[in-house]
Amino acid sequence: IILDIHNKALAISNTEMIINSVVILFITDLDELIFGILMVVNSRWVRRMSIQTTDPQEELANEISTLKAELGTSKEAIVRLTNEGVDLRERLSNIEAILENGGICFASF
């Protein structure tokens, strides 16, 4: 509606109205493209700067949820790596035992 009023106020002929409409559509498409790029590059910043996000408590709650999910994933990775470390230590001990029984001395680290 506002664009239509703006167009009628500025355009003298039908041709100018069409040109103005095409320019407005181009700018709108460009805006959506830039928004999409920013969402890929830094979505947290876009959400923080977005006019739609007006409730700071809701924004903090969303941020906390995201961080908790990331923390859970990190904890799982730490447990997995710890288990792999224990497994590797056991394998090393077995190899050392085999080498010592065969008469080869192997220094522990």
C-alpha atoms as a PDB file:
ATOM      1  CA  ILE A   1       0.000   0.000   0.000  1.00  0.00           C
ATOM      2  CA  ILE A   2       2.758   2.439   0.938  1.00  0.00           C
ATOM      3  CA  LEU A   3       4.673   1.552  -2.209  1.00  0.00           C
ATOM      4  CA  ASP A   4       1.578   2.228  -4.295  1.00  0.00           C
ATOM      5  CA  ILE A   5       1.108   5.672  -2.700  1.00  0.00           C
ATOM      6  CA  HIS A   6       4.814   6.398  -3.145  1.00  0.00           C
ATOM      7  CA  ASN A   7       4.639   5.317  -6.779  1.00  0.00           C
ATOM      8  CA  LYS A   8       1.614   7.517  -7.533  1.00  0.00           C
ATOM      9  CA  ALA A   9       3.223  10.483  -5.810  1.00  0.00           C
ATOM     10  CA  LEU A  10       6.497  10.270  -7.750  1.00  0.00           C
ATOM     11  CA  ALA A  11       5.472   8.887 -11.128  1.00  0.00           C
ATOM     12  CA  ILE A  12       4.031  11.181 -13.748  1.00  0.00           C
ATOM     13  CA  SER A  13       3.313   8.545 -16.378  1.00  0.00           C
ATOM     14  CA  ASN A  14       2.538   4.830 -16.491  1.00  0.00           C
ATOM     15  CA  THR A  15       6.068   4.168 -17.730  1.00  0.00           C
ATOM     16  CA  GLU A  16       7.569   5.837 -14.657  1.00  0.00           C
ATOM     17  CA  MET A  17       5.256   3.809 -12.420  1.00  0.00           C
ATOM     18  CA  ILE A  18       6.478   0.591 -14.057  1.00  0.00           C
ATOM     19  CA  ILE A  19      10.128   1.652 -13.730  1.00  0.00           C
ATOM     20  CA  ASN A  20       9.619   2.563 -10.070  1.00  0.00           C
ATOM     21  CA  SER A  21       7.929  -0.789  -9.430  1.00  0.00           C
ATOM     22  CA  VAL A  22      10.775  -2.710 -11.080  1.00  0.00           C
ATOM     23  CA  VAL A  23      13.344  -0.787  -9.021  1.00  0.00           C
ATOM     24  CA  ILE A  24      11.424  -1.504  -5.816  1.00  0.00           C
ATOM     25  CA  LEU A  25      11.188  -5.226  -6.681  1.00  0.00           C
ATOM     26  CA  PHE A  26      14.928  -5.316  -7.438  1.00  0.00           C
ATOM     27  CA  ILE A  27      15.781  -3.673  -4.112  1.00  0.00           C
ATOM     28  CA  THR A  28      13.467  -6.072  -2.267  1.00  0.00           C
ATOM     29  CA  ASP A  29      15.095  -9.097  -3.935  1.00  0.00           C
ATOM     30  CA  LEU A  30      18.549  -7.719  -3.161  1.00  0.00           C
ATOM     31  CA  ASP A  31      17.550  -7.204   0.479  1.00  0.00           C
ATOM     32  CA  GLU A  32      16.348 -10.817   0.751  1.00  0.00           C
ATOM     33  CA  LEU A  33      19.562 -12.078  -0.848  1.00  0.00           C
ATOM     34  CA  ILE A  34      21.751 -10.108   1.569  1.00  0.00           C
ATOM     35  CA  PHE A  35      19.638 -11.308   4.503  1.00  0.00           C
ATOM     36  CA  GLY A  36      20.108 -14.910   3.380  1.00  0.00           C
ATOM     37  CA  ILE A  37      23.867 -14.448   3.096  1.00  0.00           C
ATOM     38  CA  LEU A  38      24.023 -12.908   6.571  1.00  0.00           C
ATOM     39  CA  MET A  39      21.993 -15.806   7.994  1.00  0.00           C
ATOM     40  CA  VAL A  40      24.552 -18.252   6.600  1.00  0.00           C
ATOM     41  CA  VAL A  41      27.555 -16.228   7.765  1.00  0.00           C
ATOM     42  CA  ASN A  42      26.351 -15.243  11.267  1.00  0.00           C
ATOM     43  CA  SER A  43      22.810 -16.273  12.138  1.00  0.00           C
ATOM     44  CA  ARG A  44      23.132 -15.372  15.828  1.00  0.00           C
ATOM     45  CA  TRP A  45      23.979 -11.775  14.975  1.00  0.00           C
ATOM     46  CA  VAL A  46      21.053 -11.541  12.549  1.00  0.00           C
ATOM     47  CA  ARG A  47      18.639 -12.916  15.149  1.00  0.00           C
ATOM     48  CA  ARG A  48      20.018 -10.508  17.735  1.00  0.00           C
ATOM     49  CA  MET A  49      19.688  -7.522  15.388  1.00  0.00           C
ATOM     50  CA  SER A  50      16.300  -8.548  14.025  1.00  0.00           C
ATOM     51  CA  ILE A  51      13.393  -6.259  14.854  1.00  0.00           C
ATOM     52  CA  GLN A  52      11.167  -9.315  15.335  1.00  0.00           C
ATOM     53  CA  THR A  53      13.173 -10.383  18.384  1.00  0.00           C
ATOM     54  CA  THR A  54      11.957  -7.839  20.895  1.00  0.00           C
ATOM     55  CA  ASP A  55      11.822  -9.920  24.064  1.00  0.00           C
ATOM     56  CA  PRO A  56      15.319 -10.078  25.616  1.00  0.00           C
ATOM     57  CA  GLN A  57      14.316 -12.898  27.978  1.00  0.00           C
ATOM     58  CA  GLU A  58      13.129 -15.034  25.074  1.00  0.00           C
ATOM     59  CA  GLU A  59      16.354 -14.291  23.220  1.00  0.00           C
ATOM     60  CA  LEU A  60      18.408 -15.324  26.273  1.00  0.00           C
ATOM     61  CA  ALA A  61      16.349 -18.488  26.693  1.00  0.00           C
ATOM     62  CA  ASN A  62      17.006 -19.421  23.062  1.00  0.00           C
ATOM     63  CA  GLU A  63      20.707 -18.700  23.478  1.00  0.00           C
ATOM     64  CA  ILE A  64      20.841 -20.825  26.649  1.00  0.00           C
ATOM     65  CA  SER A  65      19.085 -23.699  24.868  1.00  0.00           C
ATOM     66  CA  THR A  66      21.569 -23.529  22.013  1.00  0.00           C
ATOM     67  CA  LEU A  67      24.524 -23.473  24.396  1.00  0.00           C
ATOM     68  CA  LYS A  68      23.131 -26.409  26.424  1.00  0.00           C
ATOM     69  CA  ALA A  69      22.788 -28.453  23.239  1.00  0.00           C
ATOM     70  CA  GLU A  70      26.368 -27.604  22.264  1.00  0.00           C
ATOM     71  CA  LEU A  71      27.552 -28.507  25.775  1.00  0.00           C
ATOM     72  CA  GLY A  72      25.813 -31.881  25.598  1.00  0.00           C
ATOM     73  CA  THR A  73      27.495 -32.617  22.279  1.00  0.00           C
ATOM     74  CA  SER A  74      30.871 -31.590  23.718  1.00  0.00           C
ATOM     75  CA  LYS A  75      30.387 -33.818  26.784  1.00  0.00           C
ATOM     76  CA  GLU A  76      29.569 -36.790  24.538  1.00  0.00           C
ATOM     77  CA  ALA A  77      32.730 -36.145  22.521  1.00  0.00           C
ATOM     78  CA  ILE A  78      34.835 -35.952  25.700  1.00  0.00           C
ATOM     79  CA  VAL A  79      33.433 -39.253  27.004  1.00  0.00           C
ATOM     80  CA  ARG A  80      34.059 -40.914  23.633  1.00  0.00           C
ATOM     81  CA  LEU A  81      37.643 -39.615  23.467  1.00  0.00           C
ATOM     82  CA  THR A  82      38.296 -40.649  27.080  1.00  0.00           C
ATOM     83  CA  ASN A  83      37.083 -44.169  26.323  1.00  0.00           C
ATOM     84  CA  GLU A  84      39.277 -44.310  23.235  1.00  0.00           C
ATOM     85  CA  GLY A  85      42.257 -43.160  25.353  1.00  0.00           C
ATOM     86  CA  VAL A  86      41.640 -45.941  27.894  1.00  0.00           C
ATOM     87  CA  ASP A  87      41.385 -48.465  25.066  1.00  0.00           C
ATOM     88  CA  LEU A  88      44.663 -47.247  23.555  1.00  0.00           C
ATOM     89  CA  ARG A  89      46.419 -47.475  26.953  1.00  0.00           C
ATOM     90  CA  GLU A  90      45.230 -51.074  27.346  1.00  0.00           C
ATOM     91  CA  ARG A  91      46.480 -51.939  23.857  1.00  0.00           C
ATOM     92  CA  LEU A  92      49.849 -50.326  24.620  1.00  0.00           C
ATOM     93  CA  SER A  93      50.130 -52.339  27.847  1.00  0.00           C
ATOM     94  CA  ASN A  94      49.392 -55.550  25.922  1.00  0.00           C
ATOM     95  CA  ILE A  95      52.023 -54.701  23.313  1.00  0.00           C
ATOM     96  CA  GLU A  96      54.573 -53.928  26.057  1.00  0.00           C
ATOM     97  CA  ALA A  97      53.816 -57.273  27.730  1.00  0.00           C
ATOM     98  CA  ILE A  98      54.250 -59.134  24.451  1.00  0.00           C
ATOM     99  CA  LEU A  99      57.532 -57.366  23.732  1.00  0.00           C
ATOM    100  CA  GLU A 100      58.894 -57.982  27.252  1.00  0.00           C
ATOM    101  CA  ASN A 101      58.031 -61.684  27.028  1.00  0.00           C
ATOM    102  CA  GLY A 102      59.873 -61.845  23.742  1.00  0.00           C
ATOM    103  CA  GLY A 103      63.024 -60.424  25.295  1.00  0.00           C
ATOM    104  CA  ILE A 104      62.636 -56.908  23.913  1.00  0.00           C
ATOM    105  CA  CYS A 105      62.627 -54.082  26.445  1.00  0.00           C
ATOM    106  CA  PHE A 106      60.095 -51.324  25.756  1.00  0.00           C
ATOM    107  CA  ALA A 107      60.220 -48.090  27.777  1.00  0.00           C
ATOM    108  CA  SER A 108      56.901 -46.703  28.999  1.00  0.00           C
ATOM    109  CA  PHE A 109      55.998 -43.085  28.402  1.00  0.00           C
END
